[in-house]
Amino acid sequence: MQELSEMKKSLNVEVDQLRSEFQELRSTLQQQQDDVTASLKSLGLQDVSGDGKEVKDPKTDGKDGEVHASSIEDDNAKEDEN
């Protein structure tokens, strides 16, 4: 029984350490996202009409980033004209 108690304490310590590390990673990620957003704003690249979390590519739809064939065909047609 003593052994189980020691294992439980050890696991609780590990869980607390992992929680702390995870929270630190969250904070770091949030700071990096804020820094990138600020950089994009300063470069004028942020999509001001959206929520500011991603820069939109006009050839992709916002849901899954899938390139649409019609956009590619339009680009190819324009290149052929030149």
Protein backbone atom coordinates (compact mmCIF):
# COMPACT_ATOMS: atom_id res chain seq x y z
CA MET A 1 0.00 0.00 0.00
CA GLN A 2 2.89 2.35 0.80
CA GLU A 3 4.27 1.77 -2.70
CA LEU A 4 1.00 2.83 -4.33
CA SER A 5 0.92 5.99 -2.25
CA GLU A 6 4.46 6.88 -3.33
CA MET A 7 3.64 6.21 -6.98
CA LYS A 8 0.56 8.42 -6.72
CA LYS A 9 2.61 11.26 -5.23
CA SER A 10 5.23 10.86 -7.93
CA LEU A 11 2.60 10.93 -10.68
CA ASN A 12 0.95 13.98 -9.16
CA VAL A 13 4.28 15.80 -9.17
CA GLU A 14 4.80 14.88 -12.84
CA VAL A 15 1.28 16.02 -13.74
CA ASP A 16 1.87 19.35 -12.00
CA GLN A 17 5.15 19.81 -13.88
CA LEU A 18 3.50 18.99 -17.19
CA ARG A 19 0.66 21.43 -16.48
CA SER A 20 3.16 24.13 -15.70
CA GLU A 21 5.15 23.44 -18.86
CA PHE A 22 1.98 23.36 -20.95
CA GLN A 23 0.84 26.70 -19.55
CA GLU A 24 4.26 28.15 -20.33
CA LEU A 25 4.02 26.86 -23.91
CA ARG A 26 0.55 28.36 -24.25
CA SER A 27 1.83 31.73 -23.10
CA THR A 28 4.79 31.55 -25.48
CA LEU A 29 2.54 30.60 -28.40
CA GLN A 30 0.12 33.43 -27.61
CA GLN A 31 3.01 35.91 -27.49
CA GLN A 32 4.33 34.64 -30.83
CA GLN A 33 0.88 34.93 -32.40
CA ASP A 34 0.59 38.48 -31.10
CA ASP A 35 4.04 39.30 -32.48
CA VAL A 36 3.19 37.87 -35.91
CA THR A 37 -0.11 39.76 -35.97
CA ALA A 38 1.67 42.99 -35.10
CA SER A 39 4.28 42.36 -37.79
CA LEU A 40 1.62 41.68 -40.40
CA LYS A 41 -0.21 44.85 -39.42
CA SER A 42 2.97 46.89 -39.74
CA LEU A 43 3.57 45.41 -43.18
CA GLY A 44 -0.02 46.04 -44.19
CA LEU A 45 -0.61 42.35 -44.90
CA GLN A 46 -3.28 41.60 -42.33
CA ASP A 47 -6.81 41.02 -43.58
CA VAL A 48 -8.55 43.94 -41.88
CA SER A 49 -12.04 42.67 -42.75
CA GLY A 50 -11.55 39.36 -40.92
CA ASP A 51 -10.73 38.46 -37.37
CA GLY A 52 -7.04 39.12 -37.92
CA LYS A 53 -5.91 35.57 -37.33
CA GLU A 54 -4.93 34.69 -40.87
CA VAL A 55 -4.03 36.33 -44.13
CA LYS A 56 -6.42 35.29 -46.86
CA ASP A 57 -5.20 33.99 -50.21
CA PRO A 58 -7.71 35.01 -52.89
CA LYS A 59 -7.21 31.69 -54.71
CA THR A 60 -8.23 29.60 -51.72
CA ASP A 61 -11.45 29.39 -49.84
CA GLY A 62 -11.28 30.32 -46.18
CA LYS A 63 -12.54 26.99 -44.87
CA ASP A 64 -9.90 24.47 -45.84
CA GLY A 65 -7.33 26.37 -47.88
CA GLU A 66 -8.17 24.31 -50.95
CA VAL A 67 -7.11 25.84 -54.25
CA HIS A 68 -10.01 26.01 -56.66
CA ALA A 69 -9.52 24.87 -60.23
CA SER A 70 -11.36 27.90 -61.60
CA SER A 71 -8.75 30.21 -60.07
CA ILE A 72 -5.94 28.26 -61.69
CA GLU A 73 -7.73 28.20 -65.03
CA ASP A 74 -8.33 31.96 -64.84
CA ASP A 75 -4.62 32.53 -64.17
CA ASN A 76 -3.61 30.25 -67.02
CA ALA A 77 -5.96 32.02 -69.41
CA LYS A 78 -4.49 35.39 -68.45
CA GLU A 79 -0.97 34.11 -69.04
CA ASP A 80 -1.95 32.69 -72.44
CA GLU A 81 -3.32 36.08 -73.49
CA ASN A 82 0.07 37.70 -72.87
